[in-house]
PDBML (XML) file of the C-alpha atoms, coordinates in Angstrom:
<?xml version="1.0" encoding="UTF-8" ?>
<PDBx:datablock datablockName="MODEL"
   xmlns:PDBx="http://pdbml.pdb.org/schema/pdbx-v50.xsd"
   xmlns:xsi="http://www.w3.org/2001/XMLSchema-instance"
   xsi:schemaLocation="http://pdbml.pdb.org/schema/pdbx-v50.xsd pdbx-v50.xsd">
   <PDBx:atom_siteCategory>
      <PDBx:atom_site id="1">
         <PDBx:B_iso_or_equiv>0.00</PDBx:B_iso_or_equiv>
         <PDBx:Cartn_x>98.691</PDBx:Cartn_x>
         <PDBx:Cartn_y>116.726</PDBx:Cartn_y>
         <PDBx:Cartn_z>119.279</PDBx:Cartn_z>
         <PDBx:auth_asym_id>A</PDBx:auth_asym_id>
         <PDBx:auth_atom_id>CA</PDBx:auth_atom_id>
         <PDBx:auth_comp_id>UNK</PDBx:auth_comp_id>
         <PDBx:auth_seq_id>1</PDBx:auth_seq_id>
         <PDBx:group_PDB>ATOM</PDBx:group_PDB>
         <PDBx:label_alt_id xsi:nil="true" />
         <PDBx:label_asym_id>A</PDBx:label_asym_id>
         <PDBx:label_atom_id>CA</PDBx:label_atom_id>
         <PDBx:label_comp_id>UNK</PDBx:label_comp_id>
         <PDBx:label_entity_id>1</PDBx:label_entity_id>
         <PDBx:label_seq_id>1</PDBx:label_seq_id>
         <PDBx:occupancy>1.00</PDBx:occupancy>
         <PDBx:pdbx_PDB_model_num>1</PDBx:pdbx_PDB_model_num>
         <PDBx:type_symbol>C</PDBx:type_symbol>
      </PDBx:atom_site>
      <PDBx:atom_site id="2">
         <PDBx:B_iso_or_equiv>0.00</PDBx:B_iso_or_equiv>
         <PDBx:Cartn_x>96.956</PDBx:Cartn_x>
         <PDBx:Cartn_y>117.478</PDBx:Cartn_y>
         <PDBx:Cartn_z>122.613</PDBx:Cartn_z>
         <PDBx:auth_asym_id>A</PDBx:auth_asym_id>
         <PDBx:auth_atom_id>CA</PDBx:auth_atom_id>
         <PDBx:auth_comp_id>UNK</PDBx:auth_comp_id>
         <PDBx:auth_seq_id>2</PDBx:auth_seq_id>
         <PDBx:group_PDB>ATOM</PDBx:group_PDB>
         <PDBx:label_alt_id xsi:nil="true" />
         <PDBx:label_asym_id>A</PDBx:label_asym_id>
         <PDBx:label_atom_id>CA</PDBx:label_atom_id>
         <PDBx:label_comp_id>UNK</PDBx:label_comp_id>
         <PDBx:label_entity_id>1</PDBx:label_entity_id>
         <PDBx:label_seq_id>2</PDBx:label_seq_id>
         <PDBx:occupancy>1.00</PDBx:occupancy>
         <PDBx:pdbx_PDB_model_num>1</PDBx:pdbx_PDB_model_num>
         <PDBx:type_symbol>C</PDBx:type_symbol>
      </PDBx:atom_site>
      <PDBx:atom_site id="3">
         <PDBx:B_iso_or_equiv>0.00</PDBx:B_iso_or_equiv>
         <PDBx:Cartn_x>93.866</PDBx:Cartn_x>
         <PDBx:Cartn_y>117.694</PDBx:Cartn_y>
         <PDBx:Cartn_z>120.381</PDBx:Cartn_z>
         <PDBx:auth_asym_id>A</PDBx:auth_asym_id>
         <PDBx:auth_atom_id>CA</PDBx:auth_atom_id>
         <PDBx:auth_comp_id>UNK</PDBx:auth_comp_id>
         <PDBx:auth_seq_id>3</PDBx:auth_seq_id>
         <PDBx:group_PDB>ATOM</PDBx:group_PDB>
         <PDBx:label_alt_id xsi:nil="true" />
         <PDBx:label_asym_id>A</PDBx:label_asym_id>
         <PDBx:label_atom_id>CA</PDBx:label_atom_id>
         <PDBx:label_comp_id>UNK</PDBx:label_comp_id>
         <PDBx:label_entity_id>1</PDBx:label_entity_id>
         <PDBx:label_seq_id>3</PDBx:label_seq_id>
         <PDBx:occupancy>1.00</PDBx:occupancy>
         <PDBx:pdbx_PDB_model_num>1</PDBx:pdbx_PDB_model_num>
         <PDBx:type_symbol>C</PDBx:type_symbol>
      </PDBx:atom_site>
      <PDBx:atom_site id="4">
         <PDBx:B_iso_or_equiv>0.00</PDBx:B_iso_or_equiv>
         <PDBx:Cartn_x>95.019</PDBx:Cartn_x>
         <PDBx:Cartn_y>120.939</PDBx:Cartn_y>
         <PDBx:Cartn_z>118.790</PDBx:Cartn_z>
         <PDBx:auth_asym_id>A</PDBx:auth_asym_id>
         <PDBx:auth_atom_id>CA</PDBx:auth_atom_id>
         <PDBx:auth_comp_id>UNK</PDBx:auth_comp_id>
         <PDBx:auth_seq_id>4</PDBx:auth_seq_id>
         <PDBx:group_PDB>ATOM</PDBx:group_PDB>
         <PDBx:label_alt_id xsi:nil="true" />
         <PDBx:label_asym_id>A</PDBx:label_asym_id>
         <PDBx:label_atom_id>CA</PDBx:label_atom_id>
         <PDBx:label_comp_id>UNK</PDBx:label_comp_id>
         <PDBx:label_entity_id>1</PDBx:label_entity_id>
         <PDBx:label_seq_id>4</PDBx:label_seq_id>
         <PDBx:occupancy>1.00</PDBx:occupancy>
         <PDBx:pdbx_PDB_model_num>1</PDBx:pdbx_PDB_model_num>
         <PDBx:type_symbol>C</PDBx:type_symbol>
      </PDBx:atom_site>
      <PDBx:atom_site id="5">
         <PDBx:B_iso_or_equiv>0.00</PDBx:B_iso_or_equiv>
         <PDBx:Cartn_x>94.389</PDBx:Cartn_x>
         <PDBx:Cartn_y>119.230</PDBx:Cartn_y>
         <PDBx:Cartn_z>115.454</PDBx:Cartn_z>
         <PDBx:auth_asym_id>A</PDBx:auth_asym_id>
         <PDBx:auth_atom_id>CA</PDBx:auth_atom_id>
         <PDBx:auth_comp_id>UNK</PDBx:auth_comp_id>
         <PDBx:auth_seq_id>5</PDBx:auth_seq_id>
         <PDBx:group_PDB>ATOM</PDBx:group_PDB>
         <PDBx:label_alt_id xsi:nil="true" />
         <PDBx:label_asym_id>A</PDBx:label_asym_id>
         <PDBx:label_atom_id>CA</PDBx:label_atom_id>
         <PDBx:label_comp_id>UNK</PDBx:label_comp_id>
         <PDBx:label_entity_id>1</PDBx:label_entity_id>
         <PDBx:label_seq_id>5</PDBx:label_seq_id>
         <PDBx:occupancy>1.00</PDBx:occupancy>
         <PDBx:pdbx_PDB_model_num>1</PDBx:pdbx_PDB_model_num>
         <PDBx:type_symbol>C</PDBx:type_symbol>
      </PDBx:atom_site>
      <PDBx:atom_site id="6">
         <PDBx:B_iso_or_equiv>0.00</PDBx:B_iso_or_equiv>
         <PDBx:Cartn_x>92.563</PDBx:Cartn_x>
         <PDBx:Cartn_y>116.112</PDBx:Cartn_y>
         <PDBx:Cartn_z>114.277</PDBx:Cartn_z>
         <PDBx:auth_asym_id>A</PDBx:auth_asym_id>
         <PDBx:auth_atom_id>CA</PDBx:auth_atom_id>
         <PDBx:auth_comp_id>UNK</PDBx:auth_comp_id>
         <PDBx:auth_seq_id>6</PDBx:auth_seq_id>
         <PDBx:group_PDB>ATOM</PDBx:group_PDB>
         <PDBx:label_alt_id xsi:nil="true" />
         <PDBx:label_asym_id>A</PDBx:label_asym_id>
         <PDBx:label_atom_id>CA</PDBx:label_atom_id>
         <PDBx:label_comp_id>UNK</PDBx:label_comp_id>
         <PDBx:label_entity_id>1</PDBx:label_entity_id>
         <PDBx:label_seq_id>6</PDBx:label_seq_id>
         <PDBx:occupancy>1.00</PDBx:occupancy>
         <PDBx:pdbx_PDB_model_num>1</PDBx:pdbx_PDB_model_num>
         <PDBx:type_symbol>C</PDBx:type_symbol>
      </PDBx:atom_site>
      <PDBx:atom_site id="7">
         <PDBx:B_iso_or_equiv>0.00</PDBx:B_iso_or_equiv>
         <PDBx:Cartn_x>95.626</PDBx:Cartn_x>
         <PDBx:Cartn_y>115.133</PDBx:Cartn_y>
         <PDBx:Cartn_z>112.287</PDBx:Cartn_z>
         <PDBx:auth_asym_id>A</PDBx:auth_asym_id>
         <PDBx:auth_atom_id>CA</PDBx:auth_atom_id>
         <PDBx:auth_comp_id>UNK</PDBx:auth_comp_id>
         <PDBx:auth_seq_id>7</PDBx:auth_seq_id>
         <PDBx:group_PDB>ATOM</PDBx:group_PDB>
         <PDBx:label_alt_id xsi:nil="true" />
         <PDBx:label_asym_id>A</PDBx:label_asym_id>
         <PDBx:label_atom_id>CA</PDBx:label_atom_id>
         <PDBx:label_comp_id>UNK</PDBx:label_comp_id>
         <PDBx:label_entity_id>1</PDBx:label_entity_id>
         <PDBx:label_seq_id>7</PDBx:label_seq_id>
         <PDBx:occupancy>1.00</PDBx:occupancy>
         <PDBx:pdbx_PDB_model_num>1</PDBx:pdbx_PDB_model_num>
         <PDBx:type_symbol>C</PDBx:type_symbol>
      </PDBx:atom_site>
      <PDBx:atom_site id="8">
         <PDBx:B_iso_or_equiv>0.00</PDBx:B_iso_or_equiv>
         <PDBx:Cartn_x>99.048</PDBx:Cartn_x>
         <PDBx:Cartn_y>113.607</PDBx:Cartn_y>
         <PDBx:Cartn_z>112.893</PDBx:Cartn_z>
         <PDBx:auth_asym_id>A</PDBx:auth_asym_id>
         <PDBx:auth_atom_id>CA</PDBx:auth_atom_id>
         <PDBx:auth_comp_id>UNK</PDBx:auth_comp_id>
         <PDBx:auth_seq_id>8</PDBx:auth_seq_id>
         <PDBx:group_PDB>ATOM</PDBx:group_PDB>
         <PDBx:label_alt_id xsi:nil="true" />
         <PDBx:label_asym_id>A</PDBx:label_asym_id>
         <PDBx:label_atom_id>CA</PDBx:label_atom_id>
         <PDBx:label_comp_id>UNK</PDBx:label_comp_id>
         <PDBx:label_entity_id>1</PDBx:label_entity_id>
         <PDBx:label_seq_id>8</PDBx:label_seq_id>
         <PDBx:occupancy>1.00</PDBx:occupancy>
         <PDBx:pdbx_PDB_model_num>1</PDBx:pdbx_PDB_model_num>
         <PDBx:type_symbol>C</PDBx:type_symbol>
      </PDBx:atom_site>
      <PDBx:atom_site id="9">
         <PDBx:B_iso_or_equiv>0.00</PDBx:B_iso_or_equiv>
         <PDBx:Cartn_x>101.475</PDBx:Cartn_x>
         <PDBx:Cartn_y>112.558</PDBx:Cartn_y>
         <PDBx:Cartn_z>110.166</PDBx:Cartn_z>
         <PDBx:auth_asym_id>A</PDBx:auth_asym_id>
         <PDBx:auth_atom_id>CA</PDBx:auth_atom_id>
         <PDBx:auth_comp_id>UNK</PDBx:auth_comp_id>
         <PDBx:auth_seq_id>9</PDBx:auth_seq_id>
         <PDBx:group_PDB>ATOM</PDBx:group_PDB>
         <PDBx:label_alt_id xsi:nil="true" />
         <PDBx:label_asym_id>A</PDBx:label_asym_id>
         <PDBx:label_atom_id>CA</PDBx:label_atom_id>
         <PDBx:label_comp_id>UNK</PDBx:label_comp_id>
         <PDBx:label_entity_id>1</PDBx:label_entity_id>
         <PDBx:label_seq_id>9</PDBx:label_seq_id>
         <PDBx:occupancy>1.00</PDBx:occupancy>
         <PDBx:pdbx_PDB_model_num>1</PDBx:pdbx_PDB_model_num>
         <PDBx:type_symbol>C</PDBx:type_symbol>
      </PDBx:atom_site>
      <PDBx:atom_site id="10">
         <PDBx:B_iso_or_equiv>0.00</PDBx:B_iso_or_equiv>
         <PDBx:Cartn_x>103.459</PDBx:Cartn_x>
         <PDBx:Cartn_y>109.344</PDBx:Cartn_y>
         <PDBx:Cartn_z>110.740</PDBx:Cartn_z>
         <PDBx:auth_asym_id>A</PDBx:auth_asym_id>
         <PDBx:auth_atom_id>CA</PDBx:auth_atom_id>
         <PDBx:auth_comp_id>UNK</PDBx:auth_comp_id>
         <PDBx:auth_seq_id>10</PDBx:auth_seq_id>
         <PDBx:group_PDB>ATOM</PDBx:group_PDB>
         <PDBx:label_alt_id xsi:nil="true" />
         <PDBx:label_asym_id>A</PDBx:label_asym_id>
         <PDBx:label_atom_id>CA</PDBx:label_atom_id>
         <PDBx:label_comp_id>UNK</PDBx:label_comp_id>
         <PDBx:label_entity_id>1</PDBx:label_entity_id>
         <PDBx:label_seq_id>10</PDBx:label_seq_id>
         <PDBx:occupancy>1.00</PDBx:occupancy>
         <PDBx:pdbx_PDB_model_num>1</PDBx:pdbx_PDB_model_num>
         <PDBx:type_symbol>C</PDBx:type_symbol>
      </PDBx:atom_site>
      <PDBx:atom_site id="11">
         <PDBx:B_iso_or_equiv>0.00</PDBx:B_iso_or_equiv>
         <PDBx:Cartn_x>106.380</PDBx:Cartn_x>
         <PDBx:Cartn_y>109.185</PDBx:Cartn_y>
         <PDBx:Cartn_z>108.265</PDBx:Cartn_z>
         <PDBx:auth_asym_id>A</PDBx:auth_asym_id>
         <PDBx:auth_atom_id>CA</PDBx:auth_atom_id>
         <PDBx:auth_comp_id>UNK</PDBx:auth_comp_id>
         <PDBx:auth_seq_id>11</PDBx:auth_seq_id>
         <PDBx:group_PDB>ATOM</PDBx:group_PDB>
         <PDBx:label_alt_id xsi:nil="true" />
         <PDBx:label_asym_id>A</PDBx:label_asym_id>
         <PDBx:label_atom_id>CA</PDBx:label_atom_id>
         <PDBx:label_comp_id>UNK</PDBx:label_comp_id>
         <PDBx:label_entity_id>1</PDBx:label_entity_id>
         <PDBx:label_seq_id>11</PDBx:label_seq_id>
         <PDBx:occupancy>1.00</PDBx:occupancy>
         <PDBx:pdbx_PDB_model_num>1</PDBx:pdbx_PDB_model_num>
         <PDBx:type_symbol>C</PDBx:type_symbol>
      </PDBx:atom_site>
      <PDBx:atom_site id="12">
         <PDBx:B_iso_or_equiv>0.00</PDBx:B_iso_or_equiv>
         <PDBx:Cartn_x>109.141</PDBx:Cartn_x>
         <PDBx:Cartn_y>106.622</PDBx:Cartn_y>
         <PDBx:Cartn_z>107.858</PDBx:Cartn_z>
         <PDBx:auth_asym_id>A</PDBx:auth_asym_id>
         <PDBx:auth_atom_id>CA</PDBx:auth_atom_id>
         <PDBx:auth_comp_id>UNK</PDBx:auth_comp_id>
         <PDBx:auth_seq_id>12</PDBx:auth_seq_id>
         <PDBx:group_PDB>ATOM</PDBx:group_PDB>
         <PDBx:label_alt_id xsi:nil="true" />
         <PDBx:label_asym_id>A</PDBx:label_asym_id>
         <PDBx:label_atom_id>CA</PDBx:label_atom_id>
         <PDBx:label_comp_id>UNK</PDBx:label_comp_id>
         <PDBx:label_entity_id>1</PDBx:label_entity_id>
         <PDBx:label_seq_id>12</PDBx:label_seq_id>
         <PDBx:occupancy>1.00</PDBx:occupancy>
         <PDBx:pdbx_PDB_model_num>1</PDBx:pdbx_PDB_model_num>
         <PDBx:type_symbol>C</PDBx:type_symbol>
      </PDBx:atom_site>
      <PDBx:atom_site id="13">
         <PDBx:B_iso_or_equiv>0.00</PDBx:B_iso_or_equiv>
         <PDBx:Cartn_x>111.538</PDBx:Cartn_x>
         <PDBx:Cartn_y>105.426</PDBx:Cartn_y>
         <PDBx:Cartn_z>105.164</PDBx:Cartn_z>
         <PDBx:auth_asym_id>A</PDBx:auth_asym_id>
         <PDBx:auth_atom_id>CA</PDBx:auth_atom_id>
         <PDBx:auth_comp_id>UNK</PDBx:auth_comp_id>
         <PDBx:auth_seq_id>13</PDBx:auth_seq_id>
         <PDBx:group_PDB>ATOM</PDBx:group_PDB>
         <PDBx:label_alt_id xsi:nil="true" />
         <PDBx:label_asym_id>A</PDBx:label_asym_id>
         <PDBx:label_atom_id>CA</PDBx:label_atom_id>
         <PDBx:label_comp_id>UNK</PDBx:label_comp_id>
         <PDBx:label_entity_id>1</PDBx:label_entity_id>
         <PDBx:label_seq_id>13</PDBx:label_seq_id>
         <PDBx:occupancy>1.00</PDBx:occupancy>
         <PDBx:pdbx_PDB_model_num>1</PDBx:pdbx_PDB_model_num>
         <PDBx:type_symbol>C</PDBx:type_symbol>
      </PDBx:atom_site>
      <PDBx:atom_site id="14">
         <PDBx:B_iso_or_equiv>0.00</PDBx:B_iso_or_equiv>
         <PDBx:Cartn_x>112.080</PDBx:Cartn_x>
         <PDBx:Cartn_y>101.970</PDBx:Cartn_y>
         <PDBx:Cartn_z>103.682</PDBx:Cartn_z>
         <PDBx:auth_asym_id>A</PDBx:auth_asym_id>
         <PDBx:auth_atom_id>CA</PDBx:auth_atom_id>
         <PDBx:auth_comp_id>UNK</PDBx:auth_comp_id>
         <PDBx:auth_seq_id>14</PDBx:auth_seq_id>
         <PDBx:group_PDB>ATOM</PDBx:group_PDB>
         <PDBx:label_alt_id xsi:nil="true" />
         <PDBx:label_asym_id>A</PDBx:label_asym_id>
         <PDBx:label_atom_id>CA</PDBx:label_atom_id>
         <PDBx:label_comp_id>UNK</PDBx:label_comp_id>
         <PDBx:label_entity_id>1</PDBx:label_entity_id>
         <PDBx:label_seq_id>14</PDBx:label_seq_id>
         <PDBx:occupancy>1.00</PDBx:occupancy>
         <PDBx:pdbx_PDB_model_num>1</PDBx:pdbx_PDB_model_num>
         <PDBx:type_symbol>C</PDBx:type_symbol>
      </PDBx:atom_site>
      <PDBx:atom_site id="15">
         <PDBx:B_iso_or_equiv>0.00</PDBx:B_iso_or_equiv>
         <PDBx:Cartn_x>115.170</PDBx:Cartn_x>
         <PDBx:Cartn_y>101.057</PDBx:Cartn_y>
         <PDBx:Cartn_z>101.698</PDBx:Cartn_z>
         <PDBx:auth_asym_id>A</PDBx:auth_asym_id>
         <PDBx:auth_atom_id>CA</PDBx:auth_atom_id>
         <PDBx:auth_comp_id>UNK</PDBx:auth_comp_id>
         <PDBx:auth_seq_id>15</PDBx:auth_seq_id>
         <PDBx:group_PDB>ATOM</PDBx:group_PDB>
         <PDBx:label_alt_id xsi:nil="true" />
         <PDBx:label_asym_id>A</PDBx:label_asym_id>
         <PDBx:label_atom_id>CA</PDBx:label_atom_id>
         <PDBx:label_comp_id>UNK</PDBx:label_comp_id>
         <PDBx:label_entity_id>1</PDBx:label_entity_id>
         <PDBx:label_seq_id>15</PDBx:label_seq_id>
         <PDBx:occupancy>1.00</PDBx:occupancy>
         <PDBx:pdbx_PDB_model_num>1</PDBx:pdbx_PDB_model_num>
         <PDBx:type_symbol>C</PDBx:type_symbol>
      </PDBx:atom_site>
      <PDBx:atom_site id="16">
         <PDBx:B_iso_or_equiv>0.00</PDBx:B_iso_or_equiv>
         <PDBx:Cartn_x>114.625</PDBx:Cartn_x>
         <PDBx:Cartn_y>98.613</PDBx:Cartn_y>
         <PDBx:Cartn_z>98.851</PDBx:Cartn_z>
         <PDBx:auth_asym_id>A</PDBx:auth_asym_id>
         <PDBx:auth_atom_id>CA</PDBx:auth_atom_id>
         <PDBx:auth_comp_id>UNK</PDBx:auth_comp_id>
         <PDBx:auth_seq_id>16</PDBx:auth_seq_id>
         <PDBx:group_PDB>ATOM</PDBx:group_PDB>
         <PDBx:label_alt_id xsi:nil="true" />
         <PDBx:label_asym_id>A</PDBx:label_asym_id>
         <PDBx:label_atom_id>CA</PDBx:label_atom_id>
         <PDBx:label_comp_id>UNK</PDBx:label_comp_id>
         <PDBx:label_entity_id>1</PDBx:label_entity_id>
         <PDBx:label_seq_id>16</PDBx:label_seq_id>
         <PDBx:occupancy>1.00</PDBx:occupancy>
         <PDBx:pdbx_PDB_model_num>1</PDBx:pdbx_PDB_model_num>
         <PDBx:type_symbol>C</PDBx:type_symbol>
      </PDBx:atom_site>
      <PDBx:atom_site id="17">
         <PDBx:B_iso_or_equiv>0.00</PDBx:B_iso_or_equiv>
         <PDBx:Cartn_x>117.634</PDBx:Cartn_x>
         <PDBx:Cartn_y>96.703</PDBx:Cartn_y>
         <PDBx:Cartn_z>97.542</PDBx:Cartn_z>
         <PDBx:auth_asym_id>A</PDBx:auth_asym_id>
         <PDBx:auth_atom_id>CA</PDBx:auth_atom_id>
         <PDBx:auth_comp_id>UNK</PDBx:auth_comp_id>
         <PDBx:auth_seq_id>17</PDBx:auth_seq_id>
         <PDBx:group_PDB>ATOM</PDBx:group_PDB>
         <PDBx:label_alt_id xsi:nil="true" />
         <PDBx:label_asym_id>A</PDBx:label_asym_id>
         <PDBx:label_atom_id>CA</PDBx:label_atom_id>
         <PDBx:label_comp_id>UNK</PDBx:label_comp_id>
         <PDBx:label_entity_id>1</PDBx:label_entity_id>
         <PDBx:label_seq_id>17</PDBx:label_seq_id>
         <PDBx:occupancy>1.00</PDBx:occupancy>
         <PDBx:pdbx_PDB_model_num>1</PDBx:pdbx_PDB_model_num>
         <PDBx:type_symbol>C</PDBx:type_symbol>
      </PDBx:atom_site>
      <PDBx:atom_site id="18">
         <PDBx:B_iso_or_equiv>0.00</PDBx:B_iso_or_equiv>
         <PDBx:Cartn_x>118.120</PDBx:Cartn_x>
         <PDBx:Cartn_y>96.107</PDBx:Cartn_y>
         <PDBx:Cartn_z>93.848</PDBx:Cartn_z>
         <PDBx:auth_asym_id>A</PDBx:auth_asym_id>
         <PDBx:auth_atom_id>CA</PDBx:auth_atom_id>
         <PDBx:auth_comp_id>UNK</PDBx:auth_comp_id>
         <PDBx:auth_seq_id>18</PDBx:auth_seq_id>
         <PDBx:group_PDB>ATOM</PDBx:group_PDB>
         <PDBx:label_alt_id xsi:nil="true" />
         <PDBx:label_asym_id>A</PDBx:label_asym_id>
         <PDBx:label_atom_id>CA</PDBx:label_atom_id>
         <PDBx:label_comp_id>UNK</PDBx:label_comp_id>
         <PDBx:label_entity_id>1</PDBx:label_entity_id>
         <PDBx:label_seq_id>18</PDBx:label_seq_id>
         <PDBx:occupancy>1.00</PDBx:occupancy>
         <PDBx:pdbx_PDB_model_num>1</PDBx:pdbx_PDB_model_num>
         <PDBx:type_symbol>C</PDBx:type_symbol>
      </PDBx:atom_site>
      <PDBx:atom_site id="19">
         <PDBx:B_iso_or_equiv>0.00</PDBx:B_iso_or_equiv>
         <PDBx:Cartn_x>117.760</PDBx:Cartn_x>
         <PDBx:Cartn_y>92.335</PDBx:Cartn_y>
         <PDBx:Cartn_z>94.277</PDBx:Cartn_z>
         <PDBx:auth_asym_id>A</PDBx:auth_asym_id>
         <PDBx:auth_atom_id>CA</PDBx:auth_atom_id>
         <PDBx:auth_comp_id>UNK</PDBx:auth_comp_id>
         <PDBx:auth_seq_id>19</PDBx:auth_seq_id>
         <PDBx:group_PDB>ATOM</PDBx:group_PDB>
         <PDBx:label_alt_id xsi:nil="true" />
         <PDBx:label_asym_id>A</PDBx:label_asym_id>
         <PDBx:label_atom_id>CA</PDBx:label_atom_id>
         <PDBx:label_comp_id>UNK</PDBx:label_comp_id>
         <PDBx:label_entity_id>1</PDBx:label_entity_id>
         <PDBx:label_seq_id>19</PDBx:label_seq_id>
         <PDBx:occupancy>1.00</PDBx:occupancy>
         <PDBx:pdbx_PDB_model_num>1</PDBx:pdbx_PDB_model_num>
         <PDBx:type_symbol>C</PDBx:type_symbol>
      </PDBx:atom_site>
      <PDBx:atom_site id="20">
         <PDBx:B_iso_or_equiv>0.00</PDBx:B_iso_or_equiv>
         <PDBx:Cartn_x>114.190</PDBx:Cartn_x>
         <PDBx:Cartn_y>92.450</PDBx:Cartn_y>
         <PDBx:Cartn_z>95.584</PDBx:Cartn_z>
         <PDBx:auth_asym_id>A</PDBx:auth_asym_id>
         <PDBx:auth_atom_id>CA</PDBx:auth_atom_id>
         <PDBx:auth_comp_id>UNK</PDBx:auth_comp_id>
         <PDBx:auth_seq_id>20</PDBx:auth_seq_id>
         <PDBx:group_PDB>ATOM</PDBx:group_PDB>
         <PDBx:label_alt_id xsi:nil="true" />
         <PDBx:label_asym_id>A</PDBx:label_asym_id>
         <PDBx:label_atom_id>CA</PDBx:label_atom_id>
         <PDBx:label_comp_id>UNK</PDBx:label_comp_id>
         <PDBx:label_entity_id>1</PDBx:label_entity_id>
         <PDBx:label_seq_id>20</PDBx:label_seq_id>
         <PDBx:occupancy>1.00</PDBx:occupancy>
         <PDBx:pdbx_PDB_model_num>1</PDBx:pdbx_PDB_model_num>
         <PDBx:type_symbol>C</PDBx:type_symbol>
      </PDBx:atom_site>
      <PDBx:atom_site id="21">
         <PDBx:B_iso_or_equiv>0.00</PDBx:B_iso_or_equiv>
         <PDBx:Cartn_x>112.157</PDBx:Cartn_x>
         <PDBx:Cartn_y>90.064</PDBx:Cartn_y>
         <PDBx:Cartn_z>93.441</PDBx:Cartn_z>
         <PDBx:auth_asym_id>A</PDBx:auth_asym_id>
         <PDBx:auth_atom_id>CA</PDBx:auth_atom_id>
         <PDBx:auth_comp_id>UNK</PDBx:auth_comp_id>
         <PDBx:auth_seq_id>21</PDBx:auth_seq_id>
         <PDBx:group_PDB>ATOM</PDBx:group_PDB>
         <PDBx:label_alt_id xsi:nil="true" />
         <PDBx:label_asym_id>A</PDBx:label_asym_id>
         <PDBx:label_atom_id>CA</PDBx:label_atom_id>
         <PDBx:label_comp_id>UNK</PDBx:label_comp_id>
         <PDBx:label_entity_id>1</PDBx:label_entity_id>
         <PDBx:label_seq_id>21</PDBx:label_seq_id>
         <PDBx:occupancy>1.00</PDBx:occupancy>
         <PDBx:pdbx_PDB_model_num>1</PDBx:pdbx_PDB_model_num>
         <PDBx:type_symbol>C</PDBx:type_symbol>
      </PDBx:atom_site>
      <PDBx:atom_site id="22">
         <PDBx:B_iso_or_equiv>0.00</PDBx:B_iso_or_equiv>
         <PDBx:Cartn_x>109.061</PDBx:Cartn_x>
         <PDBx:Cartn_y>92.286</PDBx:Cartn_y>
         <PDBx:Cartn_z>93.299</PDBx:Cartn_z>
         <PDBx:auth_asym_id>A</PDBx:auth_asym_id>
         <PDBx:auth_atom_id>CA</PDBx:auth_atom_id>
         <PDBx:auth_comp_id>UNK</PDBx:auth_comp_id>
         <PDBx:auth_seq_id>22</PDBx:auth_seq_id>
         <PDBx:group_PDB>ATOM</PDBx:group_PDB>
         <PDBx:label_alt_id xsi:nil="true" />
         <PDBx:label_asym_id>A</PDBx:label_asym_id>
         <PDBx:label_atom_id>CA</PDBx:label_atom_id>
         <PDBx:label_comp_id>UNK</PDBx:label_comp_id>
         <PDBx:label_entity_id>1</PDBx:label_entity_id>
         <PDBx:label_seq_id>22</PDBx:label_seq_id>
         <PDBx:occupancy>1.00</PDBx:occupancy>
         <PDBx:pdbx_PDB_model_num>1</PDBx:pdbx_PDB_model_num>
         <PDBx:type_symbol>C</PDBx:type_symbol>
      </PDBx:atom_site>
      <PDBx:atom_site id="23">
         <PDBx:B_iso_or_equiv>0.00</PDBx:B_iso_or_equiv>
         <PDBx:Cartn_x>111.029</PDBx:Cartn_x>
         <PDBx:Cartn_y>94.879</PDBx:Cartn_y>
         <PDBx:Cartn_z>91.302</PDBx:Cartn_z>
         <PDBx:auth_asym_id>A</PDBx:auth_asym_id>
         <PDBx:auth_atom_id>CA</PDBx:auth_atom_id>
         <PDBx:auth_comp_id>UNK</PDBx:auth_comp_id>
         <PDBx:auth_seq_id>23</PDBx:auth_seq_id>
         <PDBx:group_PDB>ATOM</PDBx:group_PDB>
         <PDBx:label_alt_id xsi:nil="true" />
         <PDBx:label_asym_id>A</PDBx:label_asym_id>
         <PDBx:label_atom_id>CA</PDBx:label_atom_id>
         <PDBx:label_comp_id>UNK</PDBx:label_comp_id>
         <PDBx:label_entity_id>1</PDBx:label_entity_id>
         <PDBx:label_seq_id>23</PDBx:label_seq_id>
         <PDBx:occupancy>1.00</PDBx:occupancy>
         <PDBx:pdbx_PDB_model_num>1</PDBx:pdbx_PDB_model_num>
         <PDBx:type_symbol>C</PDBx:type_symbol>
      </PDBx:atom_site>
      <PDBx:atom_site id="24">
         <PDBx:B_iso_or_equiv>0.00</PDBx:B_iso_or_equiv>
         <PDBx:Cartn_x>111.129</PDBx:Cartn_x>
         <PDBx:Cartn_y>92.352</PDBx:Cartn_y>
         <PDBx:Cartn_z>88.454</PDBx:Cartn_z>
         <PDBx:auth_asym_id>A</PDBx:auth_asym_id>
         <PDBx:auth_atom_id>CA</PDBx:auth_atom_id>
         <PDBx:auth_comp_id>UNK</PDBx:auth_comp_id>
         <PDBx:auth_seq_id>24</PDBx:auth_seq_id>
         <PDBx:group_PDB>ATOM</PDBx:group_PDB>
         <PDBx:label_alt_id xsi:nil="true" />
         <PDBx:label_asym_id>A</PDBx:label_asym_id>
         <PDBx:label_atom_id>CA</PDBx:label_atom_id>
         <PDBx:label_comp_id>UNK</PDBx:label_comp_id>
         <PDBx:label_entity_id>1</PDBx:label_entity_id>
         <PDBx:label_seq_id>24</PDBx:label_seq_id>
         <PDBx:occupancy>1.00</PDBx:occupancy>
         <PDBx:pdbx_PDB_model_num>1</PDBx:pdbx_PDB_model_num>
         <PDBx:type_symbol>C</PDBx:type_symbol>
      </PDBx:atom_site>
      <PDBx:atom_site id="25">
         <PDBx:B_iso_or_equiv>0.00</PDBx:B_iso_or_equiv>
         <PDBx:Cartn_x>107.786</PDBx:Cartn_x>
         <PDBx:Cartn_y>90.617</PDBx:Cartn_y>
         <PDBx:Cartn_z>88.942</PDBx:Cartn_z>
         <PDBx:auth_asym_id>A</PDBx:auth_asym_id>
         <PDBx:auth_atom_id>CA</PDBx:auth_atom_id>
         <PDBx:auth_comp_id>UNK</PDBx:auth_comp_id>
         <PDBx:auth_seq_id>25</PDBx:auth_seq_id>
         <PDBx:group_PDB>ATOM</PDBx:group_PDB>
         <PDBx:label_alt_id xsi:nil="true" />
         <PDBx:label_asym_id>A</PDBx:label_asym_id>
         <PDBx:label_atom_id>CA</PDBx:label_atom_id>
         <PDBx:label_comp_id>UNK</PDBx:label_comp_id>
         <PDBx:label_entity_id>1</PDBx:label_entity_id>
         <PDBx:label_seq_id>25</PDBx:label_seq_id>
         <PDBx:occupancy>1.00</PDBx:occupancy>
         <PDBx:pdbx_PDB_model_num>1</PDBx:pdbx_PDB_model_num>
         <PDBx:type_symbol>C</PDBx:type_symbol>
      </PDBx:atom_site>
   </PDBx:atom_siteCategory>
</PDBx:datablock>
């Protein structure tokens, strides 16, 4: 940012498979 703003977005992606137990529980 070089302090041009207070804010910085950090964005990432997570792939969740259909067999993940938490999807059912």
